[in-house]
Amino acid sequence: MNYGLDIGSKKDLVGICYSTWFNPIVKYGGEKPKNIAEILAGKDTWGAVGQFHFWSEPALGYYRSDDRKIIRRHMELLQAAGIDFIILDNTNASPGWDTGVPGDYWDQMVRKPAEALLSTLLEMRKEGLRTPYVVSWNKTAPAFGYAVCDKLYNEHFSKEEYKDLLVYWDGKLFTLTTELTENPPAYATVRKMWGLVKNLAPCEWSFLSHENKPCQDLDGNNEQICVCTAAQATYMTCTDTALGRRGGETFYRQWKNAFSARPRIVTVTWWNEWAAQRFVVDGKTAFVDNYTPEFSRDIEPMKGGHGDIYYKWLIEYVRAYKAHEDCPQLL
């Protein structure tokens, strides 16, 4: 292939999970999003059940997913860190989100962010800049199969103008899914990816694990491993069972496992998840994926707190991994 990034046989690749769901949360001229850190400090009150709350504020401020200046800055930072591809999180997307009404959930959380991202990457490439490539991680289910994959393919990934921005596997579009269902699309090479799975099947990827053991291909070779800064066991608010950042120790230990296993592909969890929905469990507020600076997993720099240290560490770990050096001790 003379376009895109074909990873079917490449080694020393690093991807990172990337969120594009902020449009309904950060509205033009709307109120500032709920911030868990401010609530825990007594400066605000909890939002409604189901409402998204930020665990803290990004260094770039609260942003929308179709803000092209933010996208450009993210891609500059990730390219500088040696990231080969970003993994777009469409794991909650449903074909039912597309009602045909402008501004519906599909429009806000999938279509417009994808258009902004791909057009910004295309613009940067035309300027002679290098950028990460793009993989989409899509929700699949027996009820609708690969409909989300098909919609994204028809709306974006099949377009000639974008083909050099995408990741392929042996000539086919590479796609990650939440499940493997019947009749996978003929245009794609598919891998299932999910988290907190104890025993991975061959070719089954993980994005979240306390132990981060590698996934193996059909021949028993290490294909992929996830590297996390922190991970829940159930809810991040269950801090007695969650694995916190521990001052960077978790990130270091997981990278050390990756250096030892040396799979072809490392996927890092996460760049910019930031927001989580508020639930109430047994009468108490609960958040699944992010809670506090200690019990959250974003690498994008934050205002205050640990600042940009995880980004600086990411640069060093990725550089050393690609150079086949020993895992750097940065703590």
C-alpha atoms as a PDB file:
ATOM      1  CA  MET A   1       0.000   0.000   0.000  1.00  0.00           C
ATOM      2  CA  ASN A   2       1.190   3.508  -0.768  1.00  0.00           C
ATOM      3  CA  TYR A   3      -1.240   5.255   1.589  1.00  0.00           C
ATOM      4  CA  GLY A   4      -2.191   5.103   5.255  1.00  0.00           C
ATOM      5  CA  LEU A   5      -0.418   3.081   7.928  1.00  0.00           C
ATOM      6  CA  ASP A   6      -0.596  -0.683   7.373  1.00  0.00           C
ATOM      7  CA  ILE A   7       0.227  -2.382  10.676  1.00  0.00           C
ATOM      8  CA  GLY A   8      -0.230  -5.975   9.573  1.00  0.00           C
ATOM      9  CA  SER A   9       3.466  -6.755   9.966  1.00  0.00           C
ATOM     10  CA  LYS A  10       4.969  -3.630  11.561  1.00  0.00           C
ATOM     11  CA  LYS A  11       6.615  -3.585  14.987  1.00  0.00           C
ATOM     12  CA  ASP A  12       7.263  -1.016  17.734  1.00  0.00           C
ATOM     13  CA  LEU A  13       3.934   0.741  17.226  1.00  0.00           C
ATOM     14  CA  VAL A  14       2.256   2.858  19.902  1.00  0.00           C
ATOM     15  CA  GLY A  15      -1.376   4.000  19.852  1.00  0.00           C
ATOM     16  CA  ILE A  16      -3.413   5.939  22.403  1.00  0.00           C
ATOM     17  CA  CYS A  17      -7.133   6.073  23.239  1.00  0.00           C
ATOM     18  CA  TYR A  18      -8.740   9.398  22.330  1.00  0.00           C
ATOM     19  CA  SER A  19     -12.155  10.810  23.309  1.00  0.00           C
ATOM     20  CA  THR A  20     -14.400  12.858  21.015  1.00  0.00           C
ATOM     21  CA  TRP A  21     -17.577  13.096  23.084  1.00  0.00           C
ATOM     22  CA  PHE A  22     -17.393  16.579  24.600  1.00  0.00           C
ATOM     23  CA  ASN A  23     -19.818  18.487  22.363  1.00  0.00           C
ATOM     24  CA  PRO A  24     -22.944  17.730  24.459  1.00  0.00           C
ATOM     25  CA  ILE A  25     -21.004  18.429  27.684  1.00  0.00           C
ATOM     26  CA  VAL A  26     -19.215  21.658  26.736  1.00  0.00           C
ATOM     27  CA  LYS A  27     -21.851  23.772  25.037  1.00  0.00           C
ATOM     28  CA  TYR A  28     -21.322  27.088  23.280  1.00  0.00           C
ATOM     29  CA  GLY A  29     -22.109  29.828  25.786  1.00  0.00           C
ATOM     30  CA  GLY A  30     -23.351  27.275  28.294  1.00  0.00           C
ATOM     31  CA  GLU A  31     -22.545  26.797  31.943  1.00  0.00           C
ATOM     32  CA  LYS A  32     -19.154  25.491  32.972  1.00  0.00           C
ATOM     33  CA  PRO A  33     -19.193  21.685  33.247  1.00  0.00           C
ATOM     34  CA  LYS A  34     -19.405  20.073  36.666  1.00  0.00           C
ATOM     35  CA  ASN A  35     -15.942  19.509  38.152  1.00  0.00           C
ATOM     36  CA  ILE A  36     -15.517  16.703  40.704  1.00  0.00           C
ATOM     37  CA  ALA A  37     -12.454  18.338  42.282  1.00  0.00           C
ATOM     38  CA  GLU A  38     -14.440  21.503  42.971  1.00  0.00           C
ATOM     39  CA  ILE A  39     -17.384  19.524  44.339  1.00  0.00           C
ATOM     40  CA  LEU A  40     -15.176  17.513  46.700  1.00  0.00           C
ATOM     41  CA  ALA A  41     -13.629  20.807  47.856  1.00  0.00           C
ATOM     42  CA  GLY A  42     -17.092  22.107  48.772  1.00  0.00           C
ATOM     43  CA  LYS A  43     -17.214  24.700  45.978  1.00  0.00           C
ATOM     44  CA  ASP A  44     -20.138  23.151  44.088  1.00  0.00           C
ATOM     45  CA  THR A  45     -22.771  20.419  44.332  1.00  0.00           C
ATOM     46  CA  TRP A  46     -23.267  17.189  42.417  1.00  0.00           C
ATOM     47  CA  GLY A  47     -25.078  17.319  39.121  1.00  0.00           C
ATOM     48  CA  ALA A  48     -27.996  15.088  38.221  1.00  0.00           C
ATOM     49  CA  VAL A  49     -27.703  11.323  37.963  1.00  0.00           C
ATOM     50  CA  GLY A  50     -26.367  10.553  34.492  1.00  0.00           C
ATOM     51  CA  GLN A  51     -24.822  14.003  34.096  1.00  0.00           C
ATOM     52  CA  PHE A  52     -21.188  14.127  32.960  1.00  0.00           C
ATOM     53  CA  HIS A  53     -18.654  15.476  35.455  1.00  0.00           C
ATOM     54  CA  PHE A  54     -15.022  16.334  34.708  1.00  0.00           C
ATOM     55  CA  TRP A  55     -12.523  14.852  37.175  1.00  0.00           C
ATOM     56  CA  SER A  56     -10.500  18.076  36.772  1.00  0.00           C
ATOM     57  CA  GLU A  57      -9.909  20.803  34.202  1.00  0.00           C
ATOM     58  CA  PRO A  58      -7.621  20.228  31.200  1.00  0.00           C
ATOM     59  CA  ALA A  59      -4.665  22.604  30.824  1.00  0.00           C
ATOM     60  CA  LEU A  60      -6.267  23.807  27.573  1.00  0.00           C
ATOM     61  CA  GLY A  61      -9.538  24.496  29.390  1.00  0.00           C
ATOM     62  CA  TYR A  62     -12.886  22.794  28.834  1.00  0.00           C
ATOM     63  CA  TYR A  63     -13.122  22.166  25.103  1.00  0.00           C
ATOM     64  CA  ARG A  64     -15.463  20.794  22.489  1.00  0.00           C
ATOM     65  CA  SER A  65     -14.603  17.862  20.250  1.00  0.00           C
ATOM     66  CA  ASP A  66     -15.105  19.887  17.067  1.00  0.00           C
ATOM     67  CA  ASP A  67     -12.703  22.656  18.153  1.00  0.00           C
ATOM     68  CA  ARG A  68     -10.073  22.470  15.423  1.00  0.00           C
ATOM     69  CA  LYS A  69      -7.511  24.506  17.341  1.00  0.00           C
ATOM     70  CA  ILE A  70      -7.680  21.967  20.166  1.00  0.00           C
ATOM     71  CA  ILE A  71      -7.495  19.052  17.733  1.00  0.00           C
ATOM     72  CA  ARG A  72      -4.453  20.565  16.047  1.00  0.00           C
ATOM     73  CA  ARG A  73      -2.715  21.080  19.377  1.00  0.00           C
ATOM     74  CA  HIS A  74      -3.485  17.521  20.468  1.00  0.00           C
ATOM     75  CA  MET A  75      -2.118  16.096  17.235  1.00  0.00           C
ATOM     76  CA  GLU A  76       1.042  18.203  17.559  1.00  0.00           C
ATOM     77  CA  LEU A  77       1.602  16.919  21.098  1.00  0.00           C
ATOM     78  CA  LEU A  78       0.905  13.293  20.211  1.00  0.00           C
ATOM     79  CA  GLN A  79       3.098  13.388  17.120  1.00  0.00           C
ATOM     80  CA  ALA A  80       5.910  14.891  19.205  1.00  0.00           C
ATOM     81  CA  ALA A  81       5.471  12.021  21.678  1.00  0.00           C
ATOM     82  CA  GLY A  82       5.966   9.414  18.954  1.00  0.00           C
ATOM     83  CA  ILE A  83       2.358   8.181  18.882  1.00  0.00           C
ATOM     84  CA  ASP A  84       1.629   6.277  15.663  1.00  0.00           C
ATOM     85  CA  PHE A  85      -2.164   6.271  15.829  1.00  0.00           C
ATOM     86  CA  ILE A  86      -5.084   7.464  17.931  1.00  0.00           C
ATOM     87  CA  ILE A  87      -8.015   5.214  18.852  1.00  0.00           C
ATOM     88  CA  LEU A  88     -11.341   7.049  18.613  1.00  0.00           C
ATOM     89  CA  ASP A  89     -13.702   5.948  21.372  1.00  0.00           C
ATOM     90  CA  ASN A  90     -17.079   5.207  19.804  1.00  0.00           C
ATOM     91  CA  THR A  91     -17.783   2.352  22.210  1.00  0.00           C
ATOM     92  CA  ASN A  92     -21.061   3.867  23.418  1.00  0.00           C
ATOM     93  CA  ALA A  93     -22.278   4.845  19.963  1.00  0.00           C
ATOM     94  CA  SER A  94     -25.475   3.323  18.635  1.00  0.00           C
ATOM     95  CA  PRO A  95     -27.032   3.511  15.163  1.00  0.00           C
ATOM     96  CA  GLY A  96     -30.181   4.672  16.969  1.00  0.00           C
ATOM     97  CA  TRP A  97     -28.392   7.909  17.830  1.00  0.00           C
ATOM     98  CA  ASP A  98     -28.871   8.975  14.215  1.00  0.00           C
ATOM     99  CA  THR A  99     -32.450  10.249  14.089  1.00  0.00           C
ATOM    100  CA  GLY A 100     -31.895  12.370  11.009  1.00  0.00           C
ATOM    101  CA  VAL A 101     -32.374  15.539  13.057  1.00  0.00           C
ATOM    102  CA  PRO A 102     -29.459  18.024  13.030  1.00  0.00           C
ATOM    103  CA  GLY A 103     -27.848  18.171  16.452  1.00  0.00           C
ATOM    104  CA  ASP A 104     -28.878  14.657  17.476  1.00  0.00           C
ATOM    105  CA  TYR A 105     -26.490  12.490  19.488  1.00  0.00           C
ATOM    106  CA  TRP A 106     -24.870  10.953  16.406  1.00  0.00           C
ATOM    107  CA  ASP A 107     -24.292  14.414  15.006  1.00  0.00           C
ATOM    108  CA  GLN A 108     -22.774  15.774  18.232  1.00  0.00           C
ATOM    109  CA  MET A 109     -20.743  12.794  19.430  1.00  0.00           C
ATOM    110  CA  VAL A 110     -19.725  11.026  16.217  1.00  0.00           C
ATOM    111  CA  ARG A 111     -20.260  12.848  12.920  1.00  0.00           C
ATOM    112  CA  LYS A 112     -19.120  16.399  13.718  1.00  0.00           C
ATOM    113  CA  PRO A 113     -16.110  15.352  15.833  1.00  0.00           C
ATOM    114  CA  ALA A 114     -14.994  12.942  13.094  1.00  0.00           C
ATOM    115  CA  GLU A 115     -15.391  15.602  10.404  1.00  0.00           C
ATOM    116  CA  ALA A 116     -13.415  18.128  12.454  1.00  0.00           C
ATOM    117  CA  LEU A 117     -10.667  15.647  13.307  1.00  0.00           C
ATOM    118  CA  LEU A 118     -10.182  14.257   9.808  1.00  0.00           C
ATOM    119  CA  SER A 119     -10.304  17.648   8.102  1.00  0.00           C
ATOM    120  CA  THR A 120      -7.794  19.067  10.612  1.00  0.00           C
ATOM    121  CA  LEU A 121      -5.435  16.139  10.046  1.00  0.00           C
ATOM    122  CA  LEU A 122      -5.804  16.585   6.300  1.00  0.00           C
ATOM    123  CA  GLU A 123      -5.024  20.290   6.620  1.00  0.00           C
ATOM    124  CA  MET A 124      -1.918  19.549   8.700  1.00  0.00           C
ATOM    125  CA  ARG A 125      -0.706  16.967   6.190  1.00  0.00           C
ATOM    126  CA  LYS A 126      -1.132  19.467   3.344  1.00  0.00           C
ATOM    127  CA  GLU A 127       1.106  21.830   5.331  1.00  0.00           C
ATOM    128  CA  GLY A 128       3.790  19.146   5.327  1.00  0.00           C
ATOM    129  CA  LEU A 129       3.279  18.198   8.980  1.00  0.00           C
ATOM    130  CA  ARG A 130       3.322  14.635  10.223  1.00  0.00           C
ATOM    131  CA  THR A 131       0.385  13.467  12.325  1.00  0.00           C
ATOM    132  CA  PRO A 132      -0.816  10.284  14.009  1.00  0.00           C
ATOM    133  CA  TYR A 133      -3.079   7.996  11.990  1.00  0.00           C
ATOM    134  CA  VAL A 134      -6.647   7.093  13.004  1.00  0.00           C
ATOM    135  CA  VAL A 135      -8.384   3.907  14.179  1.00  0.00           C
ATOM    136  CA  SER A 136     -12.030   3.806  15.256  1.00  0.00           C
ATOM    137  CA  TRP A 137     -13.108   1.622  18.193  1.00  0.00           C
ATOM    138  CA  ASN A 138     -16.798   0.966  17.717  1.00  0.00           C
ATOM    139  CA  LYS A 139     -19.663  -0.524  19.653  1.00  0.00           C
ATOM    140  CA  THR A 140     -20.936  -3.811  18.255  1.00  0.00           C
ATOM    141  CA  ALA A 141     -23.852  -5.863  19.554  1.00  0.00           C
ATOM    142  CA  PRO A 142     -26.034  -8.784  18.438  1.00  0.00           C
ATOM    143  CA  ALA A 143     -28.957  -6.370  18.078  1.00  0.00           C
ATOM    144  CA  PHE A 144     -27.281  -4.260  15.384  1.00  0.00           C
ATOM    145  CA  GLY A 145     -24.069  -6.073  14.500  1.00  0.00           C
ATOM    146  CA  TYR A 146     -21.496  -3.846  12.820  1.00  0.00           C
ATOM    147  CA  ALA A 147     -23.932  -1.022  11.998  1.00  0.00           C
ATOM    148  CA  VAL A 148     -21.802   1.613  13.772  1.00  0.00           C
ATOM    149  CA  CYS A 149     -18.734   0.465  11.813  1.00  0.00           C
ATOM    150  CA  ASP A 150     -20.709   0.629   8.574  1.00  0.00           C
ATOM    151  CA  LYS A 151     -22.061   4.125   9.269  1.00  0.00           C
ATOM    152  CA  LEU A 152     -18.595   5.476  10.035  1.00  0.00           C
ATOM    153  CA  TYR A 153     -17.179   3.769   6.971  1.00  0.00           C
ATOM    154  CA  ASN A 154     -19.862   5.163   4.679  1.00  0.00           C
ATOM    155  CA  GLU A 155     -19.753   8.667   6.157  1.00  0.00           C
ATOM    156  CA  HIS A 156     -15.983   9.067   6.547  1.00  0.00           C
ATOM    157  CA  PHE A 157     -13.542   6.196   6.211  1.00  0.00           C
ATOM    158  CA  SER A 158     -14.457   5.166   2.659  1.00  0.00           C
ATOM    159  CA  LYS A 159     -13.784   8.658   1.302  1.00  0.00           C
ATOM    160  CA  GLU A 160     -10.792   8.935  -0.995  1.00  0.00           C
ATOM    161  CA  GLU A 161      -9.593  12.185   0.578  1.00  0.00           C
ATOM    162  CA  TYR A 162      -9.153  10.558   3.997  1.00  0.00           C
ATOM    163  CA  LYS A 163      -7.590   7.211   3.053  1.00  0.00           C
ATOM    164  CA  ASP A 164      -4.020   8.325   3.850  1.00  0.00           C
ATOM    165  CA  LEU A 165      -5.060   9.263   7.411  1.00  0.00           C
ATOM    166  CA  LEU A 166      -6.219   5.784   8.410  1.00  0.00           C
ATOM    167  CA  VAL A 167      -4.762   2.560   9.788  1.00  0.00           C
ATOM    168  CA  TYR A 168      -4.976  -0.650   7.762  1.00  0.00           C
ATOM    169  CA  TRP A 169      -4.150  -4.297   8.364  1.00  0.00           C
ATOM    170  CA  ASP A 170      -2.971  -6.280   5.356  1.00  0.00           C
ATOM    171  CA  GLY A 171      -4.710  -3.874   3.011  1.00  0.00           C
ATOM    172  CA  LYS A 172      -8.033  -3.649   4.866  1.00  0.00           C
ATOM    173  CA  LEU A 173      -9.260  -0.853   7.128  1.00  0.00           C
ATOM    174  CA  PHE A 174      -8.304  -1.733  10.706  1.00  0.00           C
ATOM    175  CA  THR A 175     -11.238  -1.520  13.117  1.00  0.00           C
ATOM    176  CA  LEU A 176     -11.557  -2.213  16.842  1.00  0.00           C
ATOM    177  CA  THR A 177     -14.886  -3.357  18.281  1.00  0.00           C
ATOM    178  CA  THR A 178     -16.432  -4.074  21.678  1.00  0.00           C
ATOM    179  CA  GLU A 179     -17.646  -7.528  20.609  1.00  0.00           C
ATOM    180  CA  LEU A 180     -17.201  -9.982  17.764  1.00  0.00           C
ATOM    181  CA  THR A 181     -20.564 -10.707  16.174  1.00  0.00           C
ATOM    182  CA  GLU A 182     -21.588 -12.550  13.034  1.00  0.00           C
ATOM    183  CA  ASN A 183     -20.792 -11.286   9.534  1.00  0.00           C
ATOM    184  CA  PRO A 184     -17.891  -8.866  10.070  1.00  0.00           C
ATOM    185  CA  PRO A 185     -17.530  -6.285   7.299  1.00  0.00           C
ATOM    186  CA  ALA A 186     -15.533  -7.420   4.270  1.00  0.00           C
ATOM    187  CA  TYR A 187     -13.741  -4.057   4.079  1.00  0.00           C
ATOM    188  CA  ALA A 188     -12.163  -4.367   7.545  1.00  0.00           C
ATOM    189  CA  THR A 189      -9.724  -6.348   9.653  1.00  0.00           C
ATOM    190  CA  VAL A 190     -11.385  -6.502  13.073  1.00  0.00           C
ATOM    191  CA  ARG A 191     -10.011  -6.944  16.569  1.00  0.00           C
ATOM    192  CA  LYS A 192     -12.163  -7.018  19.692  1.00  0.00           C
ATOM    193  CA  MET A 193     -10.870  -4.779  22.493  1.00  0.00           C
ATOM    194  CA  TRP A 194     -12.282  -4.522  26.009  1.00  0.00           C
ATOM    195  CA  GLY A 195     -11.032  -4.052  29.554  1.00  0.00           C
ATOM    196  CA  LEU A 196     -10.581  -5.946  32.810  1.00  0.00           C
ATOM    197  CA  VAL A 197     -10.637  -9.302  31.003  1.00  0.00           C
ATOM    198  CA  LYS A 198      -8.750 -11.953  32.965  1.00  0.00           C
ATOM    199  CA  ASN A 199      -8.037 -14.404  30.140  1.00  0.00           C
ATOM    200  CA  LEU A 200      -7.682 -12.933  26.665  1.00  0.00           C
ATOM    201  CA  ALA A 201      -8.540 -15.092  23.672  1.00  0.00           C
ATOM    202  CA  PRO A 202      -6.089 -15.127  20.737  1.00  0.00           C
ATOM    203  CA  CYS A 203      -6.222 -11.789  18.895  1.00  0.00           C
ATOM    204  CA  GLU A 204      -8.362 -10.231  21.658  1.00  0.00           C
ATOM    205  CA  TRP A 205      -6.982  -6.861  22.735  1.00  0.00           C
ATOM    206  CA  SER A 206      -7.243  -5.179  26.124  1.00  0.00           C
ATOM    207  CA  PHE A 207      -7.419  -1.468  26.912  1.00  0.00           C
ATOM    208  CA  LEU A 208      -7.538  -1.758  30.713  1.00  0.00           C
ATOM    209  CA  SER A 209      -5.867  -4.174  33.098  1.00  0.00           C
ATOM    210  CA  HIS A 210      -4.239  -4.158  36.513  1.00  0.00           C
ATOM    211  CA  GLU A 211      -1.688  -6.750  35.351  1.00  0.00           C
ATOM    212  CA  ASN A 212      -1.464  -5.760  31.631  1.00  0.00           C
ATOM    213  CA  LYS A 213      -0.504  -9.092  30.139  1.00  0.00           C
ATOM    214  CA  PRO A 214       0.007  -9.187  26.364  1.00  0.00           C
ATOM    215  CA  CYS A 215      -2.529 -10.397  23.831  1.00  0.00           C
ATOM    216  CA  GLN A 216      -1.202 -13.081  21.498  1.00  0.00           C
ATOM    217  CA  ASP A 217      -1.899 -13.725  17.841  1.00  0.00           C
ATOM    218  CA  LEU A 218      -2.950 -17.095  16.409  1.00  0.00           C
ATOM    219  CA  ASP A 219       0.692 -18.205  16.274  1.00  0.00           C
ATOM    220  CA  GLY A 220       1.337 -17.389  19.929  1.00  0.00           C
ATOM    221  CA  ASN A 221       3.329 -14.209  19.263  1.00  0.00           C
ATOM    222  CA  ASN A 222       2.753 -11.173  21.480  1.00  0.00           C
ATOM    223  CA  GLU A 223       0.607  -8.842  19.385  1.00  0.00           C
ATOM    224  CA  GLN A 224      -0.666  -6.089  21.719  1.00  0.00           C
ATOM    225  CA  ILE A 225      -0.494  -4.867  25.295  1.00  0.00           C
ATOM    226  CA  CYS A 226      -2.252  -2.000  27.053  1.00  0.00           C
ATOM    227  CA  VAL A 227      -0.450   0.470  29.300  1.00  0.00           C
ATOM    228  CA  CYS A 228      -2.562   2.413  31.813  1.00  0.00           C
ATOM    229  CA  THR A 229      -1.866   5.169  34.298  1.00  0.00           C
ATOM    230  CA  ALA A 230      -4.641   3.850  36.584  1.00  0.00           C
ATOM    231  CA  ALA A 231      -7.547   1.401  36.442  1.00  0.00           C
ATOM    232  CA  GLN A 232     -10.750   0.674  38.307  1.00  0.00           C
ATOM    233  CA  ALA A 233     -11.855  -2.788  39.409  1.00  0.00           C
ATOM    234  CA  THR A 234     -15.530  -1.796  39.398  1.00  0.00           C
ATOM    235  CA  TYR A 235     -15.940   1.949  39.942  1.00  0.00           C
ATOM    236  CA  MET A 236     -13.103   4.448  40.286  1.00  0.00           C
ATOM    237  CA  THR A 237     -14.951   5.757  43.331  1.00  0.00           C
ATOM    238  CA  CYS A 238     -14.269   2.377  44.982  1.00  0.00           C
ATOM    239  CA  THR A 239     -10.771   3.537  45.839  1.00  0.00           C
ATOM    240  CA  ASP A 240     -10.030   0.488  47.985  1.00  0.00           C
ATOM    241  CA  THR A 241     -10.156  -1.773  44.909  1.00  0.00           C
ATOM    242  CA  ALA A 242      -9.122   0.674  42.171  1.00  0.00           C
ATOM    243  CA  LEU A 243      -5.488   0.926  41.077  1.00  0.00           C
ATOM    244  CA  GLY A 244      -4.443   4.567  41.420  1.00  0.00           C
ATOM    245  CA  ARG A 245      -1.653   6.443  39.694  1.00  0.00           C
ATOM    246  CA  ARG A 246       0.579   6.131  42.771  1.00  0.00           C
ATOM    247  CA  GLY A 247       2.754   9.027  41.703  1.00  0.00           C
ATOM    248  CA  GLY A 248       3.504   7.412  38.346  1.00  0.00           C
ATOM    249  CA  GLU A 249       4.379   3.981  39.748  1.00  0.00           C
ATOM    250  CA  THR A 250       1.443   2.305  37.962  1.00  0.00           C
ATOM    251  CA  PHE A 251       2.424   3.867  34.624  1.00  0.00           C
ATOM    252  CA  TYR A 252       6.046   2.786  35.117  1.00  0.00           C
ATOM    253  CA  ARG A 253       5.156  -0.771  36.123  1.00  0.00           C
ATOM    254  CA  GLN A 254       2.837  -1.204  33.160  1.00  0.00           C
ATOM    255  CA  TRP A 255       5.426   0.176  30.751  1.00  0.00           C
ATOM    256  CA  LYS A 256       8.005  -2.169  32.301  1.00  0.00           C
ATOM    257  CA  ASN A 257       5.696  -5.100  31.523  1.00  0.00           C
ATOM    258  CA  ALA A 258       5.386  -3.845  27.945  1.00  0.00           C
ATOM    259  CA  PHE A 259       9.168  -3.599  27.574  1.00  0.00           C
ATOM    260  CA  SER A 260       9.475  -7.158  28.887  1.00  0.00           C
ATOM    261  CA  ALA A 261       6.769  -8.617  26.618  1.00  0.00           C
ATOM    262  CA  ARG A 262       7.775  -6.561  23.529  1.00  0.00           C
ATOM    263  CA  PRO A 263       4.535  -6.991  21.562  1.00  0.00           C
ATOM    264  CA  ARG A 264       4.261  -5.432  18.129  1.00  0.00           C
ATOM    265  CA  ILE A 265       1.732  -2.893  19.379  1.00  0.00           C
ATOM    266  CA  VAL A 266       1.332  -0.939  22.626  1.00  0.00           C
ATOM    267  CA  THR A 267      -1.917   0.935  23.261  1.00  0.00           C
ATOM    268  CA  VAL A 268      -1.905   3.606  25.961  1.00  0.00           C
ATOM    269  CA  THR A 269      -4.963   4.338  28.126  1.00  0.00           C
ATOM    270  CA  TRP A 270      -5.841   7.311  27.869  1.00  0.00           C
ATOM    271  CA  TRP A 271      -5.170  10.742  26.372  1.00  0.00           C
ATOM    272  CA  ASN A 272      -8.305  12.767  27.186  1.00  0.00           C
ATOM    273  CA  GLU A 273     -11.208  10.914  28.731  1.00  0.00           C
ATOM    274  CA  TRP A 274     -11.795  13.634  31.376  1.00  0.00           C
ATOM    275  CA  ALA A 275     -15.554  13.227  31.900  1.00  0.00           C
ATOM    276  CA  ALA A 276     -17.600  10.459  33.501  1.00  0.00           C
ATOM    277  CA  GLN A 277     -21.295  10.099  34.196  1.00  0.00           C
ATOM    278  CA  ARG A 278     -22.530  10.316  37.755  1.00  0.00           C
ATOM    279  CA  PHE A 279     -24.324   7.245  39.059  1.00  0.00           C
ATOM    280  CA  VAL A 280     -25.763   6.490  42.488  1.00  0.00           C
ATOM    281  CA  VAL A 281     -24.951   3.030  43.878  1.00  0.00           C
ATOM    282  CA  ASP A 282     -26.184   1.992  47.314  1.00  0.00           C
ATOM    283  CA  GLY A 283     -27.097   5.601  47.965  1.00  0.00           C
ATOM    284  CA  LYS A 284     -23.611   6.910  47.155  1.00  0.00           C
ATOM    285  CA  THR A 285     -22.280   8.852  44.168  1.00  0.00           C
ATOM    286  CA  ALA A 286     -20.255   6.603  41.864  1.00  0.00           C
ATOM    287  CA  PHE A 287     -18.119   7.156  38.761  1.00  0.00           C
ATOM    288  CA  VAL A 288     -16.909   4.274  36.595  1.00  0.00           C
ATOM    289  CA  ASP A 289     -13.851   5.568  34.751  1.00  0.00           C
ATOM    290  CA  ASN A 290     -12.570   8.753  36.401  1.00  0.00           C
ATOM    291  CA  TYR A 291     -12.908  10.310  39.834  1.00  0.00           C
ATOM    292  CA  THR A 292      -9.930  12.310  41.165  1.00  0.00           C
ATOM    293  CA  PRO A 293      -6.406  13.117  39.921  1.00  0.00           C
ATOM    294  CA  GLU A 294      -5.206   9.935  41.678  1.00  0.00           C
ATOM    295  CA  PHE A 295      -8.027   7.774  40.355  1.00  0.00           C
ATOM    296  CA  SER A 296      -8.139   8.884  36.727  1.00  0.00           C
ATOM    297  CA  ARG A 297      -6.149   7.839  33.690  1.00  0.00           C
ATOM    298  CA  ASP A 298      -5.653  10.818  31.381  1.00  0.00           C
ATOM    299  CA  ILE A 299      -2.208  11.783  30.119  1.00  0.00           C
ATOM    300  CA  GLU A 300      -3.218  15.107  28.581  1.00  0.00           C
ATOM    301  CA  PRO A 301      -1.847  17.899  30.836  1.00  0.00           C
ATOM    302  CA  MET A 302      -4.176  19.216  33.533  1.00  0.00           C
ATOM    303  CA  LYS A 303      -4.486  22.582  35.256  1.00  0.00           C
ATOM    304  CA  GLY A 304      -2.674  22.364  38.579  1.00  0.00           C
ATOM    305  CA  GLY A 305      -2.192  18.948  40.156  1.00  0.00           C
ATOM    306  CA  HIS A 306       0.334  16.768  38.334  1.00  0.00           C
ATOM    307  CA  GLY A 307       0.423  19.195  35.388  1.00  0.00           C
ATOM    308  CA  ASP A 308       2.162  17.766  32.328  1.00  0.00           C
ATOM    309  CA  ILE A 309       4.373  15.157  34.008  1.00  0.00           C
ATOM    310  CA  TYR A 310       2.532  12.168  32.519  1.00  0.00           C
ATOM    311  CA  TYR A 311       2.968  13.624  29.040  1.00  0.00           C
ATOM    312  CA  LYS A 312       6.689  14.075  29.679  1.00  0.00           C
ATOM    313  CA  TRP A 313       6.924  10.493  30.902  1.00  0.00           C
ATOM    314  CA  LEU A 314       4.981   9.279  27.850  1.00  0.00           C
ATOM    315  CA  ILE A 315       7.554  10.874  25.551  1.00  0.00           C
ATOM    316  CA  GLU A 316      10.426   9.084  27.286  1.00  0.00           C
ATOM    317  CA  TYR A 317       8.740   5.684  27.481  1.00  0.00           C
ATOM    318  CA  VAL A 318       7.713   5.746  23.805  1.00  0.00           C
ATOM    319  CA  ARG A 319      11.140   6.915  22.660  1.00  0.00           C
ATOM    320  CA  ALA A 320      12.898   4.166  24.618  1.00  0.00           C
ATOM    321  CA  TYR A 321      10.435   1.490  23.469  1.00  0.00           C
ATOM    322  CA  LYS A 322      10.919   2.310  19.814  1.00  0.00           C
ATOM    323  CA  ALA A 323      14.710   2.407  20.297  1.00  0.00           C
ATOM    324  CA  HIS A 324      14.698  -1.033  21.987  1.00  0.00           C
ATOM    325  CA  GLU A 325      16.310   0.398  25.105  1.00  0.00           C
ATOM    326  CA  ASP A 326      15.608  -0.681  28.682  1.00  0.00           C
ATOM    327  CA  CYS A 327      12.503   0.767  30.302  1.00  0.00           C
ATOM    328  CA  PRO A 328      13.558   4.140  31.758  1.00  0.00           C
ATOM    329  CA  GLN A 329      13.208   4.655  35.511  1.00  0.00           C
ATOM    330  CA  LEU A 330      11.724   8.155  35.647  1.00  0.00           C
ATOM    331  CA  LEU A 331      10.338   8.318  39.186  1.00  0.00           C
END
